[in-house]
């Protein structure tokens, strides 16, 4: 990856990943699930969303740069993608989601 933009949180305290766990995740067209895990590694930030009610397989990984807003009052984080775009992303695998090849595939997919 030459540009880490989609893997970095926007500036601001509301993006403290430890606070995002448990937040509801809203795509541009509806609810996706809840934040199950969040990483704050430099240039490698992401959230893992538990989407079992919505996606067979249960989880999706969303790069931090796609998050547009966090609402601490309503415990909601908003994502700059539709539910279909999130659903059609490369499959999440708990055994390999931290591998560079998977991250490259997500990077290519979300940058389109």
Protein backbone atom coordinates (compact mmCIF):
# COMPACT_ATOMS: atom_id res chain seq x y z
CA UNK A 1 0.00 0.00 0.00
CA UNK A 2 1.46 3.29 -0.98
CA UNK A 3 -1.14 5.53 0.66
CA UNK A 4 -2.38 4.62 4.13
CA UNK A 5 -5.42 6.92 4.02
CA UNK A 6 -8.05 4.21 4.34
CA UNK A 7 -6.15 2.62 7.23
CA UNK A 8 -5.93 5.72 9.41
CA UNK A 9 -8.59 7.20 11.69
CA UNK A 10 -9.54 10.83 11.19
CA UNK A 11 -8.02 13.17 13.75
CA UNK A 12 -9.92 13.48 17.00
CA UNK A 13 -10.45 11.81 20.34
CA UNK A 14 -13.77 10.23 19.29
CA UNK A 15 -11.78 7.63 17.34
CA UNK A 16 -10.14 6.08 20.40
CA UNK A 17 -10.64 2.45 19.28
CA UNK A 18 -11.08 1.11 22.81
CA UNK A 19 -14.21 3.28 23.03
CA UNK A 20 -15.67 2.04 19.74
CA UNK A 21 -16.06 -1.60 20.83
CA UNK A 22 -19.78 -2.22 21.30
CA UNK A 23 -20.87 0.73 19.14
CA UNK A 24 -23.53 0.13 16.49
CA UNK A 25 -22.22 0.50 12.93
CA UNK A 26 -24.31 2.43 10.41
CA UNK A 27 -23.65 2.29 6.67
CA UNK A 28 -25.06 5.03 4.46
CA UNK A 29 -28.23 2.96 4.03
CA UNK A 30 -28.73 1.20 7.36
CA UNK A 31 -27.34 -0.80 10.25
CA UNK A 32 -24.50 -3.27 9.64
CA UNK A 33 -23.83 -4.62 13.14
CA UNK A 34 -21.72 -3.78 16.19
CA UNK A 35 -18.00 -3.16 16.64
CA UNK A 36 -16.44 -6.36 17.97
CA UNK A 37 -12.79 -5.28 17.79
CA UNK A 38 -10.88 -2.13 16.89
CA UNK A 39 -7.22 -1.57 16.08
CA UNK A 40 -5.34 1.66 16.54
CA UNK A 41 -2.04 0.55 15.02
CA UNK A 42 -0.42 3.41 13.10
CA UNK A 43 -1.50 3.35 9.44
CA UNK A 44 -3.29 0.04 10.07
CA UNK A 45 -6.46 1.04 11.90
CA UNK A 46 -9.67 -0.90 11.40
CA UNK A 47 -12.82 -2.16 13.06
CA UNK A 48 -14.15 -5.71 12.97
CA UNK A 49 -17.93 -5.67 12.85
CA UNK A 50 -20.12 -8.47 14.17
CA UNK A 51 -22.74 -8.60 11.43
CA UNK A 52 -24.28 -12.00 12.18
CA UNK A 53 -27.84 -10.73 11.93
CA UNK A 54 -27.15 -9.41 8.49
CA UNK A 55 -24.34 -11.43 6.84
CA UNK A 56 -23.90 -15.20 6.82
CA UNK A 57 -20.42 -15.76 8.18
CA UNK A 58 -20.79 -13.09 10.76
CA UNK A 59 -17.96 -10.55 10.59
CA UNK A 60 -16.52 -7.91 8.31
CA UNK A 61 -13.41 -5.76 8.55
CA UNK A 62 -13.74 -2.06 7.74
CA UNK A 63 -10.64 0.15 7.37
CA UNK A 64 -10.56 3.08 9.80
CA UNK A 65 -10.45 5.69 7.04
CA UNK A 66 -13.96 4.75 5.93
CA UNK A 67 -15.42 5.80 9.28
CA UNK A 68 -16.96 9.24 8.96
CA UNK A 69 -18.39 10.00 12.39
CA UNK A 70 -18.63 8.57 15.89
CA UNK A 71 -21.58 9.48 18.11
CA UNK A 72 -20.72 8.77 21.74
CA UNK A 73 -24.22 9.70 22.94
CA UNK A 74 -25.93 7.09 20.75
CA UNK A 75 -22.88 4.77 20.70
CA UNK A 76 -22.89 4.68 16.92
CA UNK A 77 -20.15 4.87 14.30
CA UNK A 78 -20.96 5.83 10.70
CA UNK A 79 -19.27 4.33 7.63
CA UNK A 80 -18.91 5.94 4.22
CA UNK A 81 -20.14 2.86 2.33
CA UNK A 82 -23.44 1.13 1.60
CA UNK A 83 -24.44 -2.16 3.17
CA UNK A 84 -23.98 -3.87 -0.22
CA UNK A 85 -20.44 -2.49 -0.59
CA UNK A 86 -19.55 -3.79 2.87
CA UNK A 87 -21.22 -7.16 2.27
CA UNK A 88 -19.39 -7.63 -1.06
CA UNK A 89 -15.92 -6.90 0.36
CA UNK A 90 -13.39 -9.73 0.49
CA UNK A 91 -14.53 -12.36 3.01
CA UNK A 92 -13.41 -12.01 6.61
CA UNK A 93 -11.47 -15.00 7.95
CA UNK A 94 -10.52 -14.90 11.65
CA UNK A 95 -7.39 -16.93 10.89
CA UNK A 96 -6.03 -14.64 8.19
CA UNK A 97 -7.56 -11.18 8.61
CA UNK A 98 -4.26 -9.70 9.79
CA UNK A 99 -2.27 -11.07 6.84
CA UNK A 100 -0.87 -8.47 4.41
CA UNK A 101 -2.48 -10.23 1.41
CA UNK A 102 -5.95 -9.82 2.90
CA UNK A 103 -5.27 -6.17 3.71
CA UNK A 104 -4.10 -5.60 0.13
CA UNK A 105 -7.30 -7.19 -1.20
CA UNK A 106 -9.42 -4.92 1.05
CA UNK A 107 -7.35 -1.92 0.02
CA UNK A 108 -7.90 -2.64 -3.68
CA UNK A 109 -11.61 -3.31 -3.15
CA UNK A 110 -12.42 -0.19 -1.14
CA UNK A 111 -10.30 2.12 -3.28
CA UNK A 112 -12.10 0.70 -6.35
